[in-house]
PDB file of all heavy atoms in Angstrom:
ATOM      1  N   TYR A   1     -85.259-163.118 -65.783  1.00  0.00           N
ATOM      2  CA  TYR A   1     -84.716-162.159 -66.744  1.00  0.00           C
ATOM      3  C   TYR A   1     -85.648-160.953 -66.772  1.00  0.00           C
ATOM      4  O   TYR A   1     -86.643-160.941 -67.485  1.00  0.00           O
ATOM      5  CB  TYR A   1     -84.599-162.835 -68.110  1.00  0.00           C
ATOM      6  CG  TYR A   1     -84.123-161.959 -69.241  1.00  0.00           C
ATOM      7  CD1 TYR A   1     -83.000-161.140 -69.105  1.00  0.00           C
ATOM      8  CD2 TYR A   1     -84.785-161.966 -70.455  1.00  0.00           C
ATOM      9  CE1 TYR A   1     -82.571-160.359 -70.147  1.00  0.00           C
ATOM     10  CE2 TYR A   1     -84.357-161.188 -71.513  1.00  0.00           C
ATOM     11  CZ  TYR A   1     -83.247-160.384 -71.349  1.00  0.00           C
ATOM     12  OH  TYR A   1     -82.819-159.601 -72.389  1.00  0.00           O
ATOM     13  N   SER A   2     -85.325-159.948 -65.958  1.00  0.00           N
ATOM     14  CA  SER A   2     -86.252-158.834 -65.753  1.00  0.00           C
ATOM     15  C   SER A   2     -86.542-158.044 -67.025  1.00  0.00           C
ATOM     16  O   SER A   2     -87.681-157.627 -67.242  1.00  0.00           O
ATOM     17  CB  SER A   2     -85.748-157.912 -64.649  1.00  0.00           C
ATOM     18  OG  SER A   2     -84.489-157.382 -64.964  1.00  0.00           O
ATOM     19  N   LEU A   3     -85.548-157.839 -67.869  1.00  0.00           N
ATOM     20  CA  LEU A   3     -85.790-157.113 -69.115  1.00  0.00           C
ATOM     21  C   LEU A   3     -86.762-157.893 -70.011  1.00  0.00           C
ATOM     22  O   LEU A   3     -87.662-157.313 -70.625  1.00  0.00           O
ATOM     23  CB  LEU A   3     -84.479-156.849 -69.859  1.00  0.00           C
ATOM     24  CG  LEU A   3     -84.584-156.035 -71.144  1.00  0.00           C
ATOM     25  CD1 LEU A   3     -85.225-154.676 -70.885  1.00  0.00           C
ATOM     26  CD2 LEU A   3     -83.204-155.871 -71.762  1.00  0.00           C
ATOM     27  N   GLY A   4     -86.614-159.196 -70.053  1.00  0.00           N
ATOM     28  CA  GLY A   4     -87.531-160.033 -70.824  1.00  0.00           C
ATOM     29  C   GLY A   4     -88.941-159.996 -70.261  1.00  0.00           C
ATOM     30  O   GLY A   4     -89.929-160.014 -71.006  1.00  0.00           O
ATOM     31  N   ILE A   5     -89.046-159.930 -68.935  1.00  0.00           N
ATOM     32  CA  ILE A   5     -90.362-159.831 -68.298  1.00  0.00           C
ATOM     33  C   ILE A   5     -91.031-158.523 -68.689  1.00  0.00           C
ATOM     34  O   ILE A   5     -92.209-158.495 -69.064  1.00  0.00           O
ATOM     35  CB  ILE A   5     -90.240-159.955 -66.761  1.00  0.00           C
ATOM     36  CG1 ILE A   5     -89.736-161.345 -66.376  1.00  0.00           C
ATOM     37  CG2 ILE A   5     -91.578-159.656 -66.084  1.00  0.00           C
ATOM     38  CD1 ILE A   5     -89.342-161.495 -64.912  1.00  0.00           C
ATOM     39  N   ILE A   6     -90.280-157.432 -68.623  1.00  0.00           N
ATOM     40  CA  ILE A   6     -90.821-156.116 -68.995  1.00  0.00           C
ATOM     41  C   ILE A   6     -91.282-156.122 -70.447  1.00  0.00           C
ATOM     42  O   ILE A   6     -92.386-155.661 -70.765  1.00  0.00           O
ATOM     43  CB  ILE A   6     -89.766-155.019 -68.752  1.00  0.00           C
ATOM     44  CG1 ILE A   6     -89.500-154.860 -67.258  1.00  0.00           C
ATOM     45  CG2 ILE A   6     -90.207-153.691 -69.376  1.00  0.00           C
ATOM     46  CD1 ILE A   6     -88.272-154.044 -66.930  1.00  0.00           C
ATOM     47  N   ARG A   7     -90.458-156.638 -71.323  1.00  0.00           N
ATOM     48  CA  ARG A   7     -90.819-156.686 -72.747  1.00  0.00           C
ATOM     49  C   ARG A   7     -92.048-157.553 -72.976  1.00  0.00           C
ATOM     50  O   ARG A   7     -92.932-157.203 -73.759  1.00  0.00           O
ATOM     51  CB  ARG A   7     -89.647-157.204 -73.565  1.00  0.00           C
ATOM     52  CG  ARG A   7     -88.516-156.226 -73.663  1.00  0.00           C
ATOM     53  CD  ARG A   7     -87.355-156.807 -74.429  1.00  0.00           C
ATOM     54  NE  ARG A   7     -86.305-155.822 -74.608  1.00  0.00           N
ATOM     55  CZ  ARG A   7     -85.074-156.133 -74.976  1.00  0.00           C
ATOM     56  NH1 ARG A   7     -84.748-157.387 -75.213  1.00  0.00           N
ATOM     57  NH2 ARG A   7     -84.166-155.182 -75.116  1.00  0.00           N
ATOM     58  N   GLY A   8     -92.105-158.693 -72.295  1.00  0.00           N
ATOM     59  CA  GLY A   8     -93.260-159.575 -72.430  1.00  0.00           C
ATOM     60  C   GLY A   8     -94.541-158.915 -71.953  1.00  0.00           C
ATOM     61  O   GLY A   8     -95.583-159.013 -72.593  1.00  0.00           O
ATOM     62  N   LEU A   9     -94.461-158.237 -70.809  1.00  0.00           N
ATOM     63  CA  LEU A   9     -95.637-157.558 -70.269  1.00  0.00           C
ATOM     64  C   LEU A   9     -96.133-156.475 -71.220  1.00  0.00           C
ATOM     65  O   LEU A   9     -97.339-156.347 -71.470  1.00  0.00           O
ATOM     66  CB  LEU A   9     -95.318-156.954 -68.896  1.00  0.00           C
ATOM     67  CG  LEU A   9     -95.105-157.948 -67.761  1.00  0.00           C
ATOM     68  CD1 LEU A   9     -94.507-157.246 -66.545  1.00  0.00           C
ATOM     69  CD2 LEU A   9     -96.401-158.658 -67.402  1.00  0.00           C
ATOM     70  N   ASN A  10     -95.197-155.689 -71.760  1.00  0.00           N
ATOM     71  CA  ASN A  10     -95.590-154.645 -72.715  1.00  0.00           C
ATOM     72  C   ASN A  10     -96.191-155.249 -73.983  1.00  0.00           C
ATOM     73  O   ASN A  10     -97.164-154.728 -74.526  1.00  0.00           O
ATOM     74  CB  ASN A  10     -94.395-153.746 -73.062  1.00  0.00           C
ATOM     75  CG  ASN A  10     -94.226-152.617 -72.077  1.00  0.00           C
ATOM     76  OD1 ASN A  10     -95.181-151.971 -71.668  1.00  0.00           O
ATOM     77  ND2 ASN A  10     -92.994-152.376 -71.681  1.00  0.00           N
ATOM     78  N   CYS A  11     -95.628-156.344 -74.431  1.00  0.00           N
ATOM     79  CA  CYS A  11     -96.134-157.003 -75.633  1.00  0.00           C
ATOM     80  C   CYS A  11     -97.556-157.529 -75.416  1.00  0.00           C
ATOM     81  O   CYS A  11     -98.432-157.358 -76.267  1.00  0.00           O
ATOM     82  CB  CYS A  11     -95.193-158.132 -76.040  1.00  0.00           C
ATOM     83  SG  CYS A  11     -95.582-158.871 -77.629  1.00  0.00           S
ATOM     84  N   ILE A  12     -97.795-158.146 -74.286  1.00  0.00           N
ATOM     85  CA  ILE A  12     -99.139-158.642 -73.983  1.00  0.00           C
ATOM     86  C   ILE A  12    -100.095-157.463 -73.820  1.00  0.00           C
ATOM     87  O   ILE A  12    -101.243-157.517 -74.276  1.00  0.00           O
ATOM     88  CB  ILE A  12     -99.119-159.540 -72.728  1.00  0.00           C
ATOM     89  CG1 ILE A  12     -98.306-160.808 -73.019  1.00  0.00           C
ATOM     90  CG2 ILE A  12    -100.540-159.901 -72.294  1.00  0.00           C
ATOM     91  CD1 ILE A  12     -97.987-161.640 -71.794  1.00  0.00           C
ATOM     92  N   GLY A  13     -99.623-156.398 -73.201  1.00  0.00           N
ATOM     93  CA  GLY A  13    -100.429-155.181 -73.107  1.00  0.00           C
ATOM     94  C   GLY A  13    -100.811-154.658 -74.476  1.00  0.00           C
ATOM     95  O   GLY A  13    -101.953-154.236 -74.710  1.00  0.00           O
ATOM     96  N   ASN A  14     -99.868-154.701 -75.411  1.00  0.00           N
ATOM     97  CA  ASN A  14    -100.155-154.267 -76.785  1.00  0.00           C
ATOM     98  C   ASN A  14    -101.236-155.133 -77.429  1.00  0.00           C
ATOM     99  O   ASN A  14    -102.098-154.625 -78.155  1.00  0.00           O
ATOM    100  CB  ASN A  14     -98.891-154.319 -77.647  1.00  0.00           C
ATOM    101  CG  ASN A  14     -97.896-153.256 -77.271  1.00  0.00           C
ATOM    102  OD1 ASN A  14     -98.233-152.251 -76.654  1.00  0.00           O
ATOM    103  ND2 ASN A  14     -96.636-153.476 -77.625  1.00  0.00           N
ATOM    104  N   TYR A  15    -101.192-156.420 -77.165  1.00  0.00           N
ATOM    105  CA  TYR A  15    -102.211-157.328 -77.699  1.00  0.00           C
ATOM    106  C   TYR A  15    -103.599-156.905 -77.216  1.00  0.00           C
ATOM    107  O   TYR A  15    -104.530-156.770 -78.007  1.00  0.00           O
ATOM    108  CB  TYR A  15    -101.915-158.772 -77.279  1.00  0.00           C
ATOM    109  CG  TYR A  15    -103.075-159.702 -77.542  1.00  0.00           C
ATOM    110  CD1 TYR A  15    -103.301-160.208 -78.820  1.00  0.00           C
ATOM    111  CD2 TYR A  15    -103.960-160.040 -76.533  1.00  0.00           C
ATOM    112  CE1 TYR A  15    -104.379-161.043 -79.066  1.00  0.00           C
ATOM    113  CE2 TYR A  15    -105.036-160.874 -76.770  1.00  0.00           C
ATOM    114  CZ  TYR A  15    -105.243-161.366 -78.047  1.00  0.00           C
ATOM    115  OH  TYR A  15    -106.322-162.180 -78.296  1.00  0.00           O
ATOM    116  N   TYR A  16    -103.712-156.697 -75.905  1.00  0.00           N
ATOM    117  CA  TYR A  16    -105.020-156.313 -75.359  1.00  0.00           C
ATOM    118  C   TYR A  16    -105.442-154.930 -75.854  1.00  0.00           C
ATOM    119  O   TYR A  16    -106.628-154.689 -76.103  1.00  0.00           O
ATOM    120  CB  TYR A  16    -105.004-156.368 -73.830  1.00  0.00           C
ATOM    121  CG  TYR A  16    -105.063-157.783 -73.305  1.00  0.00           C
ATOM    122  CD1 TYR A  16    -104.023-158.332 -72.575  1.00  0.00           C
ATOM    123  CD2 TYR A  16    -106.173-158.580 -73.552  1.00  0.00           C
ATOM    124  CE1 TYR A  16    -104.087-159.635 -72.103  1.00  0.00           C
ATOM    125  CE2 TYR A  16    -106.246-159.891 -73.094  1.00  0.00           C
ATOM    126  CZ  TYR A  16    -105.199-160.403 -72.375  1.00  0.00           C
ATOM    127  OH  TYR A  16    -105.260-161.704 -71.918  1.00  0.00           O
ATOM    128  N   PHE A  17    -104.490-154.026 -76.004  1.00  0.00           N
ATOM    129  CA  PHE A  17    -104.806-152.697 -76.532  1.00  0.00           C
ATOM    130  C   PHE A  17    -105.389-152.793 -77.944  1.00  0.00           C
ATOM    131  O   PHE A  17    -106.386-152.159 -78.263  1.00  0.00           O
ATOM    132  CB  PHE A  17    -103.554-151.814 -76.528  1.00  0.00           C
ATOM    133  CG  PHE A  17    -103.767-150.457 -77.133  1.00  0.00           C
ATOM    134  CD1 PHE A  17    -104.536-149.509 -76.481  1.00  0.00           C
ATOM    135  CD2 PHE A  17    -103.191-150.130 -78.346  1.00  0.00           C
ATOM    136  CE1 PHE A  17    -104.728-148.258 -77.035  1.00  0.00           C
ATOM    137  CE2 PHE A  17    -103.378-148.888 -78.914  1.00  0.00           C
ATOM    138  CZ  PHE A  17    -104.150-147.937 -78.257  1.00  0.00           C
ATOM    139  N   GLN A  18    -104.770-153.607 -78.776  1.00  0.00           N
ATOM    140  CA  GLN A  18    -105.250-153.778 -80.152  1.00  0.00           C
ATOM    141  C   GLN A  18    -106.613-154.452 -80.214  1.00  0.00           C
ATOM    142  O   GLN A  18    -107.357-154.272 -81.173  1.00  0.00           O
ATOM    143  CB  GLN A  18    -104.233-154.584 -80.960  1.00  0.00           C
ATOM    144  CG  GLN A  18    -102.951-153.835 -81.204  1.00  0.00           C
ATOM    145  CD  GLN A  18    -101.873-154.698 -81.839  1.00  0.00           C
ATOM    146  OE1 GLN A  18    -102.038-155.899 -82.015  1.00  0.00           O
ATOM    147  NE2 GLN A  18    -100.753-154.077 -82.174  1.00  0.00           N
ATOM    148  N   ARG A  19    -106.945-155.199 -79.176  1.00  0.00           N
ATOM    149  CA  ARG A  19    -108.242-155.888 -79.122  1.00  0.00           C
ATOM    150  C   ARG A  19    -109.295-155.067 -78.372  1.00  0.00           C
ATOM    151  O   ARG A  19    -110.380-155.538 -78.095  1.00  0.00           O
ATOM    152  CB  ARG A  19    -108.095-157.248 -78.426  1.00  0.00           C
ATOM    153  CG  ARG A  19    -107.180-158.219 -79.114  1.00  0.00           C
ATOM    154  CD  ARG A  19    -107.823-158.768 -80.383  1.00  0.00           C
ATOM    155  NE  ARG A  19    -106.974-159.708 -81.057  1.00  0.00           N
ATOM    156  CZ  ARG A  19    -106.167-159.421 -82.077  1.00  0.00           C
ATOM    157  NH1 ARG A  19    -106.093-158.188 -82.513  1.00  0.00           N
ATOM    158  NH2 ARG A  19    -105.430-160.338 -82.642  1.00  0.00           N
ATOM    159  N   ASP A  20    -108.948-153.821 -78.014  1.00  0.00           N
ATOM    160  CA  ASP A  20    -109.848-152.907 -77.293  1.00  0.00           C
ATOM    161  C   ASP A  20    -110.242-153.424 -75.917  1.00  0.00           C
ATOM    162  O   ASP A  20    -111.343-153.158 -75.435  1.00  0.00           O
ATOM    163  CB  ASP A  20    -111.104-152.593 -78.114  1.00  0.00           C
ATOM    164  CG  ASP A  20    -110.787-151.907 -79.433  1.00  0.00           C
ATOM    165  OD1 ASP A  20    -109.777-151.192 -79.491  1.00  0.00           O
ATOM    166  OD2 ASP A  20    -111.554-152.088 -80.398  1.00  0.00           O
ATOM    167  N   ILE A  21    -109.350-154.166 -75.283  1.00  0.00           N
ATOM    168  CA  ILE A  21    -109.566-154.640 -73.917  1.00  0.00           C
ATOM    169  C   ILE A  21    -108.638-153.796 -73.038  1.00  0.00           C
ATOM    170  O   ILE A  21    -107.575-154.221 -72.604  1.00  0.00           O
ATOM    171  CB  ILE A  21    -109.283-156.154 -73.787  1.00  0.00           C
ATOM    172  CG1 ILE A  21    -110.086-156.934 -74.827  1.00  0.00           C
ATOM    173  CG2 ILE A  21    -109.609-156.649 -72.379  1.00  0.00           C
ATOM    174  CD1 ILE A  21    -109.724-158.398 -74.933  1.00  0.00           C
ATOM    175  N   TYR A  22    -109.088-152.568 -72.825  1.00  0.00           N
ATOM    176  CA  TYR A  22    -108.215-151.552 -72.247  1.00  0.00           C
ATOM    177  C   TYR A  22    -107.846-151.796 -70.790  1.00  0.00           C
ATOM    178  O   TYR A  22    -106.726-151.484 -70.390  1.00  0.00           O
ATOM    179  CB  TYR A  22    -108.837-150.170 -72.419  1.00  0.00           C
ATOM    180  CG  TYR A  22    -109.054-149.813 -73.867  1.00  0.00           C
ATOM    181  CD1 TYR A  22    -110.304-149.447 -74.327  1.00  0.00           C
ATOM    182  CD2 TYR A  22    -108.006-149.860 -74.778  1.00  0.00           C
ATOM    183  CE1 TYR A  22    -110.499-149.122 -75.669  1.00  0.00           C
ATOM    184  CE2 TYR A  22    -108.185-149.543 -76.101  1.00  0.00           C
ATOM    185  CZ  TYR A  22    -109.439-149.178 -76.552  1.00  0.00           C
ATOM    186  OH  TYR A  22    -109.619-148.875 -77.866  1.00  0.00           O
ATOM    187  N   ASP A  23    -108.740-152.366 -70.005  1.00  0.00           N
ATOM    188  CA  ASP A  23    -108.410-152.592 -68.598  1.00  0.00           C
ATOM    189  C   ASP A  23    -107.262-153.586 -68.448  1.00  0.00           C
ATOM    190  O   ASP A  23    -106.357-153.396 -67.632  1.00  0.00           O
ATOM    191  CB  ASP A  23    -109.634-153.025 -67.800  1.00  0.00           C
ATOM    192  CG  ASP A  23    -110.313-154.275 -68.337  1.00  0.00           C
ATOM    193  OD1 ASP A  23    -110.259-154.519 -69.557  1.00  0.00           O
ATOM    194  OD2 ASP A  23    -110.907-155.019 -67.530  1.00  0.00           O
ATOM    195  N   LYS A  24    -107.254-154.624 -69.274  1.00  0.00           N
ATOM    196  CA  LYS A  24    -106.152-155.601 -69.216  1.00  0.00           C
ATOM    197  C   LYS A  24    -104.865-154.990 -69.767  1.00  0.00           C
ATOM    198  O   LYS A  24    -103.780-155.265 -69.254  1.00  0.00           O
ATOM    199  CB  LYS A  24    -106.513-156.870 -69.984  1.00  0.00           C
ATOM    200  CG  LYS A  24    -107.473-157.751 -69.234  1.00  0.00           C
ATOM    201  CD  LYS A  24    -107.457-159.148 -69.798  1.00  0.00           C
ATOM    202  CE  LYS A  24    -108.250-160.046 -68.881  1.00  0.00           C
ATOM    203  NZ  LYS A  24    -107.778-161.409 -68.920  1.00  0.00           N
ATOM    204  N   ALA A  25    -104.983-154.181 -70.808  1.00  0.00           N
ATOM    205  CA  ALA A  25    -103.804-153.519 -71.370  1.00  0.00           C
ATOM    206  C   ALA A  25    -103.141-152.645 -70.306  1.00  0.00           C
ATOM    207  O   ALA A  25    -101.919-152.715 -70.109  1.00  0.00           O
ATOM    208  CB  ALA A  25    -104.191-152.687 -72.588  1.00  0.00           C
ATOM    209  N   ILE A  26    -103.947-151.846 -69.610  1.00  0.00           N
ATOM    210  CA  ILE A  26    -103.419-150.978 -68.548  1.00  0.00           C
ATOM    211  C   ILE A  26    -102.743-151.812 -67.465  1.00  0.00           C
ATOM    212  O   ILE A  26    -101.685-151.449 -66.960  1.00  0.00           O
ATOM    213  CB  ILE A  26    -104.556-150.126 -67.934  1.00  0.00           C
ATOM    214  CG1 ILE A  26    -105.056-149.079 -68.927  1.00  0.00           C
ATOM    215  CG2 ILE A  26    -104.108-149.454 -66.632  1.00  0.00           C
ATOM    216  CD1 ILE A  26    -104.201-147.859 -69.063  1.00  0.00           C
ATOM    217  N   ASP A  27    -103.344-152.932 -67.119  1.00  0.00           N
ATOM    218  CA  ASP A  27    -102.782-153.800 -66.080  1.00  0.00           C
ATOM    219  C   ASP A  27    -101.374-154.275 -66.472  1.00  0.00           C
ATOM    220  O   ASP A  27    -100.439-154.180 -65.672  1.00  0.00           O
ATOM    221  CB  ASP A  27    -103.703-154.990 -65.830  1.00  0.00           C
ATOM    222  CG  ASP A  27    -103.191-155.909 -64.744  1.00  0.00           C
ATOM    223  OD1 ASP A  27    -102.800-155.399 -63.668  1.00  0.00           O
ATOM    224  OD2 ASP A  27    -103.169-157.138 -64.959  1.00  0.00           O
ATOM    225  N   TYR A  28    -101.221-154.762 -67.687  1.00  0.00           N
ATOM    226  CA  TYR A  28     -99.911-155.262 -68.128  1.00  0.00           C
ATOM    227  C   TYR A  28     -98.900-154.130 -68.267  1.00  0.00           C
ATOM    228  O   TYR A  28     -97.736-154.265 -67.876  1.00  0.00           O
ATOM    229  CB  TYR A  28    -100.040-156.043 -69.435  1.00  0.00           C
ATOM    230  CG  TYR A  28    -100.531-157.444 -69.205  1.00  0.00           C
ATOM    231  CD1 TYR A  28    -101.877-157.759 -69.329  1.00  0.00           C
ATOM    232  CD2 TYR A  28     -99.660-158.466 -68.842  1.00  0.00           C
ATOM    233  CE1 TYR A  28    -102.350-159.047 -69.097  1.00  0.00           C
ATOM    234  CE2 TYR A  28    -100.109-159.754 -68.607  1.00  0.00           C
ATOM    235  CZ  TYR A  28    -101.448-160.037 -68.738  1.00  0.00           C
ATOM    236  OH  TYR A  28    -101.897-161.314 -68.507  1.00  0.00           O
ATOM    237  N   TYR A  29     -99.340-152.985 -68.804  1.00  0.00           N
ATOM    238  CA  TYR A  29     -98.435-151.838 -68.925  1.00  0.00           C
ATOM    239  C   TYR A  29     -97.976-151.349 -67.552  1.00  0.00           C
ATOM    240  O   TYR A  29     -96.806-150.995 -67.374  1.00  0.00           O
ATOM    241  CB  TYR A  29     -99.118-150.683 -69.664  1.00  0.00           C
ATOM    242  CG  TYR A  29     -99.408-150.927 -71.120  1.00  0.00           C
ATOM    243  CD1 TYR A  29    -100.508-150.319 -71.726  1.00  0.00           C
ATOM    244  CD2 TYR A  29     -98.612-151.734 -71.917  1.00  0.00           C
ATOM    245  CE1 TYR A  29    -100.797-150.501 -73.065  1.00  0.00           C
ATOM    246  CE2 TYR A  29     -98.889-151.936 -73.258  1.00  0.00           C
ATOM    247  CZ  TYR A  29     -99.983-151.308 -73.831  1.00  0.00           C
ATOM    248  OH  TYR A  29    -100.252-151.486 -75.161  1.00  0.00           O
ATOM    249  N   THR A  30     -98.880-151.360 -66.583  1.00  0.00           N
ATOM    250  CA  THR A  30     -98.535-150.900 -65.237  1.00  0.00           C
ATOM    251  C   THR A  30     -97.537-151.852 -64.581  1.00  0.00           C
ATOM    252  O   THR A  30     -96.585-151.412 -63.922  1.00  0.00           O
ATOM    253  CB  THR A  30     -99.809-150.771 -64.374  1.00  0.00           C
ATOM    254  OG1 THR A  30    -100.704-149.849 -65.016  1.00  0.00           O
ATOM    255  CG2 THR A  30     -99.488-150.274 -62.980  1.00  0.00           C
ATOM    256  N   GLN A  31     -97.742-153.146 -64.773  1.00  0.00           N
ATOM    257  CA  GLN A  31     -96.779-154.121 -64.241  1.00  0.00           C
ATOM    258  C   GLN A  31     -95.394-153.884 -64.844  1.00  0.00           C
ATOM    259  O   GLN A  31     -94.378-153.915 -64.131  1.00  0.00           O
ATOM    260  CB  GLN A  31     -97.231-155.540 -64.559  1.00  0.00           C
ATOM    261  CG  GLN A  31     -98.424-156.014 -63.777  1.00  0.00           C
ATOM    262  CD  GLN A  31     -98.793-157.430 -64.173  1.00  0.00           C
ATOM    263  OE1 GLN A  31     -97.978-158.339 -64.074  1.00  0.00           O
ATOM    264  NE2 GLN A  31    -100.025-157.616 -64.638  1.00  0.00           N
ATOM    265  N   ALA A  32     -95.356-153.643 -66.152  1.00  0.00           N
ATOM    266  CA  ALA A  32     -94.078-153.386 -66.826  1.00  0.00           C
ATOM    267  C   ALA A  32     -93.438-152.112 -66.292  1.00  0.00           C
ATOM    268  O   ALA A  32     -92.219-152.062 -66.071  1.00  0.00           O
ATOM    269  CB  ALA A  32     -94.296-153.285 -68.335  1.00  0.00           C
ATOM    270  N   MET A  33     -94.252-151.082 -66.060  1.00  0.00           N
ATOM    271  CA  MET A  33     -93.717-149.821 -65.564  1.00  0.00           C
ATOM    272  C   MET A  33     -93.125-149.998 -64.162  1.00  0.00           C
ATOM    273  O   MET A  33     -92.038-149.486 -63.875  1.00  0.00           O
ATOM    274  CB  MET A  33     -94.797-148.750 -65.540  1.00  0.00           C
ATOM    275  CG  MET A  33     -94.279-147.382 -65.127  1.00  0.00           C
ATOM    276  SD  MET A  33     -95.538-146.108 -65.137  1.00  0.00           S
ATOM    277  CE  MET A  33     -96.664-146.730 -63.899  1.00  0.00           C
ATOM    278  N   LYS A  34     -93.800-150.736 -63.301  1.00  0.00           N
ATOM    279  CA  LYS A  34     -93.297-150.944 -61.936  1.00  0.00           C
ATOM    280  C   LYS A  34     -91.959-151.671 -61.945  1.00  0.00           C
ATOM    281  O   LYS A  34     -91.039-151.306 -61.206  1.00  0.00           O
ATOM    282  CB  LYS A  34     -94.327-151.707 -61.107  1.00  0.00           C
ATOM    283  CG  LYS A  34     -95.520-150.864 -60.725  1.00  0.00           C
ATOM    284  CD  LYS A  34     -96.533-151.657 -59.945  1.00  0.00           C
ATOM    285  CE  LYS A  34     -97.759-150.803 -59.629  1.00  0.00           C
ATOM    286  NZ  LYS A  34     -98.799-151.564 -58.929  1.00  0.00           N
ATOM    287  N   LEU A  35     -91.842-152.696 -62.787  1.00  0.00           N
ATOM    288  CA  LEU A  35     -90.557-153.406 -62.885  1.00  0.00           C
ATOM    289  C   LEU A  35     -89.472-152.504 -63.457  1.00  0.00           C
ATOM    290  O   LEU A  35     -88.314-152.554 -63.025  1.00  0.00           O
ATOM    291  CB  LEU A  35     -90.707-154.656 -63.753  1.00  0.00           C
ATOM    292  CG  LEU A  35     -91.443-155.828 -63.123  1.00  0.00           C
ATOM    293  CD1 LEU A  35     -91.633-156.946 -64.148  1.00  0.00           C
ATOM    294  CD2 LEU A  35     -90.658-156.356 -61.930  1.00  0.00           C
ATOM    295  N   SER A  36     -89.836-151.684 -64.427  1.00  0.00           N
ATOM    296  CA  SER A  36     -88.882-150.744 -65.021  1.00  0.00           C
ATOM    297  C   SER A  36     -88.389-149.751 -63.982  1.00  0.00           C
ATOM    298  O   SER A  36     -87.200-149.396 -63.955  1.00  0.00           O
ATOM    299  CB  SER A  36     -89.529-149.993 -66.184  1.00  0.00           C
ATOM    300  OG  SER A  36     -89.936-150.878 -67.190  1.00  0.00           O
ATOM    301  N   GLU A  37     -89.300-149.283 -63.124  1.00  0.00           N
ATOM    302  CA  GLU A  37     -88.908-148.356 -62.063  1.00  0.00           C
ATOM    303  C   GLU A  37     -87.980-149.035 -61.066  1.00  0.00           C
ATOM    304  O   GLU A  37     -87.027-148.415 -60.587  1.00  0.00           O
ATOM    305  CB  GLU A  37     -90.154-147.804 -61.370  1.00  0.00           C
ATOM    306  CG  GLU A  37     -90.933-146.848 -62.241  1.00  0.00           C
ATOM    307  CD  GLU A  37     -92.274-146.430 -61.663  1.00  0.00           C
ATOM    308  OE1 GLU A  37     -92.784-147.121 -60.745  1.00  0.00           O
ATOM    309  OE2 GLU A  37     -92.811-145.425 -62.145  1.00  0.00           O
ATOM    310  N   GLN A  38     -88.241-150.291 -60.756  1.00  0.00           N
ATOM    311  CA  GLN A  38     -87.360-151.026 -59.837  1.00  0.00           C
ATOM    312  C   GLN A  38     -85.954-151.154 -60.415  1.00  0.00           C
ATOM    313  O   GLN A  38     -84.961-151.084 -59.676  1.00  0.00           O
ATOM    314  CB  GLN A  38     -87.923-152.410 -59.550  1.00  0.00           C
ATOM    315  CG  GLN A  38     -89.148-152.407 -58.680  1.00  0.00           C
ATOM    316  CD  GLN A  38     -89.760-153.796 -58.534  1.00  0.00           C
ATOM    317  OE1 GLN A  38     -89.274-154.776 -59.101  1.00  0.00           O
ATOM    318  NE2 GLN A  38     -90.839-153.883 -57.770  1.00  0.00           N
ATOM    319  N   ARG A  39     -85.884-151.334 -61.733  1.00  0.00           N
ATOM    320  CA  ARG A  39     -84.582-151.461 -62.413  1.00  0.00           C
ATOM    321  C   ARG A  39     -83.930-150.112 -62.672  1.00  0.00           C
ATOM    322  O   ARG A  39     -82.787-150.044 -63.103  1.00  0.00           O
ATOM    323  CB  ARG A  39     -84.760-152.149 -63.768  1.00  0.00           C
ATOM    324  CG  ARG A  39     -85.001-153.609 -63.710  1.00  0.00           C
ATOM    325  CD  ARG A  39     -85.060-154.137 -65.106  1.00  0.00           C
ATOM    326  NE  ARG A  39     -83.923-153.585 -65.862  1.00  0.00           N
ATOM    327  CZ  ARG A  39     -83.258-154.217 -66.794  1.00  0.00           C
ATOM    328  NH1 ARG A  39     -83.610-155.411 -67.146  1.00  0.00           N
ATOM    329  NH2 ARG A  39     -82.253-153.662 -67.422  1.00  0.00           N
ATOM    330  N   LYS A  40     -84.699-149.028 -62.478  1.00  0.00           N
ATOM    331  CA  LYS A  40     -84.240-147.676 -62.811  1.00  0.00           C
ATOM    332  C   LYS A  40     -83.868-147.583 -64.299  1.00  0.00           C
ATOM    333  O   LYS A  40     -82.870-146.962 -64.671  1.00  0.00           O
ATOM    334  CB  LYS A  40     -83.087-147.256 -61.917  1.00  0.00           C
ATOM    335  CG  LYS A  40     -83.455-147.180 -60.445  1.00  0.00           C
ATOM    336  CD  LYS A  40     -82.281-146.749 -59.614  1.00  0.00           C
ATOM    337  CE  LYS A  40     -82.514-146.609 -58.153  1.00  0.00           C
ATOM    338  NZ  LYS A  40     -83.604-147.166 -57.486  1.00  0.00           N
ATOM    339  N   ASP A  41     -84.694-148.199 -65.123  1.00  0.00           N
ATOM    340  CA  ASP A  41     -84.485-148.231 -66.575  1.00  0.00           C
ATOM    341  C   ASP A  41     -85.379-147.170 -67.213  1.00  0.00           C
ATOM    342  O   ASP A  41     -86.543-147.409 -67.517  1.00  0.00           O
ATOM    343  CB  ASP A  41     -84.843-149.622 -67.108  1.00  0.00           C
ATOM    344  CG  ASP A  41     -84.485-149.801 -68.568  1.00  0.00           C
ATOM    345  OD1 ASP A  41     -84.426-148.797 -69.309  1.00  0.00           O
ATOM    346  OD2 ASP A  41     -84.272-150.959 -68.976  1.00  0.00           O
TER     347      ASP A  41
END
């Protein structure tokens, strides 16, 4: 379920962002962005 994957990745990225673990946040956000681009969403 690609939309669920994107949402999950962004949500986990938000968790790391709130915990000031920026490198992991960027990693999850980037994964979500790549999937979003593949879906053309």
